[in-house]
Amino acid sequence: GDVLVAFSDGVIEATNGADEFFGDERLTHAVRSAGGRSAKAIGENVRDALSAFVGDTRPYDDISIVVVRRT
């Protein structure tokens, strides 16, 4: 049930319209709120949370995430 999440700095440094960072806490919340779901579902949850956070703000860096779940 272990989960490994690897991500580029563009994930936590993504900003919204108020120029706030997505940050570690929001990333951690997005991963944990996916609970015991699959790696794909966890990644999709992070993607959706990040998308909702940044809205129409254009990214200035790459956004990459890899999720591995041990079963």
N, C-alpha and C. Protein backbone atom coordinates (compact mmCIF):
# COMPACT_ATOMS: atom_id res chain seq x y z
N GLY A 1 0.79 -1.22 0.00
CA GLY A 1 0.00 0.00 0.00
C GLY A 1 0.82 1.27 0.00
N ASP A 2 2.16 1.13 -0.04
CA ASP A 2 2.99 2.33 -0.06
C ASP A 2 2.81 3.10 -1.37
N VAL A 3 2.97 4.41 -1.30
CA VAL A 3 2.83 5.26 -2.48
C VAL A 3 4.07 6.14 -2.59
N LEU A 4 4.62 6.20 -3.79
CA LEU A 4 5.75 7.09 -4.09
C LEU A 4 5.26 8.12 -5.10
N VAL A 5 5.46 9.39 -4.78
CA VAL A 5 5.07 10.47 -5.68
C VAL A 5 6.33 11.27 -6.01
N ALA A 6 6.71 11.27 -7.28
CA ALA A 6 7.85 12.06 -7.76
C ALA A 6 7.29 13.17 -8.65
N PHE A 7 7.84 14.37 -8.48
CA PHE A 7 7.28 15.49 -9.24
C PHE A 7 8.36 16.53 -9.51
N SER A 8 8.14 17.29 -10.56
CA SER A 8 9.05 18.38 -10.88
C SER A 8 8.69 19.60 -10.02
N ASP A 9 9.63 20.52 -9.93
CA ASP A 9 9.38 21.72 -9.12
C ASP A 9 8.24 22.56 -9.67
N GLY A 10 7.90 22.36 -10.93
CA GLY A 10 6.78 23.10 -11.53
C GLY A 10 5.45 22.80 -10.88
N VAL A 11 5.33 21.64 -10.21
CA VAL A 11 4.08 21.29 -9.53
C VAL A 11 3.89 22.18 -8.31
N ILE A 12 4.85 22.19 -7.40
CA ILE A 12 4.68 22.96 -6.17
C ILE A 12 4.87 24.46 -6.38
N GLU A 13 5.53 24.83 -7.48
CA GLU A 13 5.74 26.25 -7.77
C GLU A 13 4.69 26.82 -8.73
N ALA A 14 3.71 26.01 -9.11
CA ALA A 14 2.62 26.51 -9.96
C ALA A 14 1.87 27.60 -9.18
N THR A 15 1.50 28.66 -9.87
CA THR A 15 0.84 29.78 -9.19
C THR A 15 -0.58 29.99 -9.71
N ASN A 16 -1.38 30.63 -8.86
CA ASN A 16 -2.74 30.99 -9.26
C ASN A 16 -2.79 32.48 -9.61
N GLY A 17 -3.97 32.99 -9.83
CA GLY A 17 -4.12 34.40 -10.20
C GLY A 17 -3.67 35.37 -9.13
N ALA A 18 -3.64 34.92 -7.87
CA ALA A 18 -3.19 35.77 -6.76
C ALA A 18 -1.69 35.63 -6.52
N ASP A 19 -1.00 34.93 -7.43
CA ASP A 19 0.44 34.71 -7.36
C ASP A 19 0.87 33.89 -6.14
N GLU A 20 -0.02 32.97 -5.71
CA GLU A 20 0.29 32.06 -4.61
C GLU A 20 0.80 30.75 -5.20
N PHE A 21 1.72 30.09 -4.51
CA PHE A 21 2.22 28.79 -4.95
C PHE A 21 1.24 27.68 -4.58
N PHE A 22 1.19 26.62 -5.42
CA PHE A 22 0.42 25.43 -5.08
C PHE A 22 0.99 24.82 -3.81
N GLY A 23 2.29 24.65 -3.75
CA GLY A 23 2.99 24.27 -2.53
C GLY A 23 2.88 22.82 -2.10
N ASP A 24 3.70 22.50 -1.11
CA ASP A 24 3.77 21.14 -0.56
C ASP A 24 2.48 20.72 0.12
N GLU A 25 1.88 21.63 0.88
CA GLU A 25 0.67 21.26 1.63
C GLU A 25 -0.48 20.89 0.72
N ARG A 26 -0.69 21.64 -0.35
CA ARG A 26 -1.78 21.31 -1.27
C ARG A 26 -1.49 20.01 -2.00
N LEU A 27 -0.24 19.79 -2.36
CA LEU A 27 0.14 18.54 -3.01
C LEU A 27 -0.11 17.36 -2.08
N THR A 28 0.34 17.48 -0.84
CA THR A 28 0.14 16.42 0.14
C THR A 28 -1.35 16.14 0.35
N HIS A 29 -2.14 17.19 0.44
CA HIS A 29 -3.58 17.02 0.61
C HIS A 29 -4.20 16.28 -0.59
N ALA A 30 -3.79 16.65 -1.79
CA ALA A 30 -4.33 16.01 -2.99
C ALA A 30 -3.97 14.54 -3.03
N VAL A 31 -2.77 14.19 -2.61
CA VAL A 31 -2.35 12.78 -2.58
C VAL A 31 -3.12 12.03 -1.51
N ARG A 32 -3.16 12.57 -0.31
CA ARG A 32 -3.82 11.88 0.81
C ARG A 32 -5.32 11.78 0.62
N SER A 33 -5.94 12.76 0.00
CA SER A 33 -7.39 12.72 -0.17
C SER A 33 -7.82 11.67 -1.19
N ALA A 34 -6.86 11.16 -1.97
CA ALA A 34 -7.18 10.08 -2.90
C ALA A 34 -7.22 8.73 -2.18
N GLY A 35 -6.82 8.73 -0.91
CA GLY A 35 -6.92 7.54 -0.08
C GLY A 35 -6.21 6.34 -0.66
N GLY A 36 -6.83 5.19 -0.57
CA GLY A 36 -6.23 3.94 -1.01
C GLY A 36 -6.50 3.63 -2.48
N ARG A 37 -6.75 4.63 -3.27
CA ARG A 37 -7.05 4.41 -4.69
C ARG A 37 -5.79 4.07 -5.48
N SER A 38 -5.95 3.78 -6.73
CA SER A 38 -4.83 3.40 -7.61
C SER A 38 -3.88 4.56 -7.85
N ALA A 39 -2.69 4.23 -8.34
CA ALA A 39 -1.69 5.26 -8.68
C ALA A 39 -2.27 6.21 -9.72
N LYS A 40 -2.98 5.67 -10.69
CA LYS A 40 -3.58 6.51 -11.73
C LYS A 40 -4.58 7.49 -11.11
N ALA A 41 -5.42 7.00 -10.20
CA ALA A 41 -6.42 7.85 -9.56
C ALA A 41 -5.76 8.93 -8.70
N ILE A 42 -4.68 8.58 -8.02
CA ILE A 42 -3.95 9.57 -7.21
C ILE A 42 -3.39 10.66 -8.12
N GLY A 43 -2.76 10.25 -9.22
CA GLY A 43 -2.22 11.22 -10.18
C GLY A 43 -3.30 12.12 -10.75
N GLU A 44 -4.45 11.54 -11.06
CA GLU A 44 -5.56 12.33 -11.60
C GLU A 44 -6.08 13.31 -10.54
N ASN A 45 -6.10 12.88 -9.28
CA ASN A 45 -6.56 13.76 -8.21
C ASN A 45 -5.62 14.96 -8.06
N VAL A 46 -4.32 14.71 -8.14
CA VAL A 46 -3.34 15.79 -8.08
C VAL A 46 -3.52 16.73 -9.27
N ARG A 47 -3.66 16.15 -10.45
CA ARG A 47 -3.85 16.96 -11.66
C ARG A 47 -5.09 17.84 -11.55
N ASP A 48 -6.18 17.26 -11.06
CA ASP A 48 -7.43 18.02 -10.93
C ASP A 48 -7.30 19.14 -9.89
N ALA A 49 -6.64 18.83 -8.77
CA ALA A 49 -6.45 19.85 -7.73
C ALA A 49 -5.57 20.98 -8.24
N LEU A 50 -4.53 20.62 -8.97
CA LEU A 50 -3.61 21.62 -9.53
C LEU A 50 -4.33 22.49 -10.56
N SER A 51 -5.12 21.86 -11.40
CA SER A 51 -5.88 22.58 -12.43
C SER A 51 -6.87 23.57 -11.80
N ALA A 52 -7.57 23.10 -10.78
CA ALA A 52 -8.53 23.97 -10.09
C ALA A 52 -7.82 25.14 -9.42
N PHE A 53 -6.64 24.89 -8.89
CA PHE A 53 -5.88 25.94 -8.19
C PHE A 53 -5.38 27.01 -9.15
N VAL A 54 -4.76 26.60 -10.26
CA VAL A 54 -4.16 27.59 -11.17
C VAL A 54 -5.19 28.28 -12.04
N GLY A 55 -6.33 27.64 -12.30
CA GLY A 55 -7.36 28.23 -13.14
C GLY A 55 -6.81 28.55 -14.52
N ASP A 56 -6.95 29.79 -14.94
CA ASP A 56 -6.50 30.22 -16.27
C ASP A 56 -5.06 30.71 -16.29
N THR A 57 -4.38 30.65 -15.14
CA THR A 57 -2.99 31.11 -15.07
C THR A 57 -2.11 30.19 -15.90
N ARG A 58 -1.31 30.77 -16.72
CA ARG A 58 -0.45 30.00 -17.62
C ARG A 58 0.81 29.53 -16.87
N PRO A 59 1.16 28.23 -16.99
CA PRO A 59 2.36 27.75 -16.31
C PRO A 59 3.63 28.34 -16.91
N TYR A 60 4.61 28.59 -16.07
CA TYR A 60 5.89 29.11 -16.55
C TYR A 60 6.98 28.05 -16.49
N ASP A 61 6.63 26.87 -16.00
CA ASP A 61 7.60 25.78 -15.85
C ASP A 61 6.90 24.47 -16.21
N ASP A 62 7.72 23.44 -16.43
CA ASP A 62 7.11 22.14 -16.72
C ASP A 62 6.39 21.61 -15.48
N ILE A 63 5.36 20.81 -15.72
CA ILE A 63 4.61 20.18 -14.63
C ILE A 63 4.59 18.69 -14.92
N SER A 64 5.36 17.96 -14.11
CA SER A 64 5.48 16.51 -14.29
C SER A 64 5.26 15.82 -12.96
N ILE A 65 4.53 14.70 -13.01
CA ILE A 65 4.29 13.93 -11.79
C ILE A 65 4.22 12.45 -12.15
N VAL A 66 4.84 11.63 -11.30
CA VAL A 66 4.81 10.17 -11.46
C VAL A 66 4.35 9.60 -10.12
N VAL A 67 3.37 8.72 -10.17
CA VAL A 67 2.86 8.10 -8.94
C VAL A 67 3.01 6.58 -9.08
N VAL A 68 3.60 5.97 -8.06
CA VAL A 68 3.77 4.52 -8.04
C VAL A 68 3.14 4.03 -6.73
N ARG A 69 2.32 3.01 -6.85
CA ARG A 69 1.68 2.44 -5.67
C ARG A 69 2.04 0.97 -5.56
N ARG A 70 2.50 0.57 -4.41
CA ARG A 70 2.86 -0.83 -4.16
C ARG A 70 1.61 -1.58 -3.70
N THR A 71 1.35 -2.69 -4.37
CA THR A 71 0.17 -3.48 -3.98
C THR A 71 0.56 -4.83 -3.46
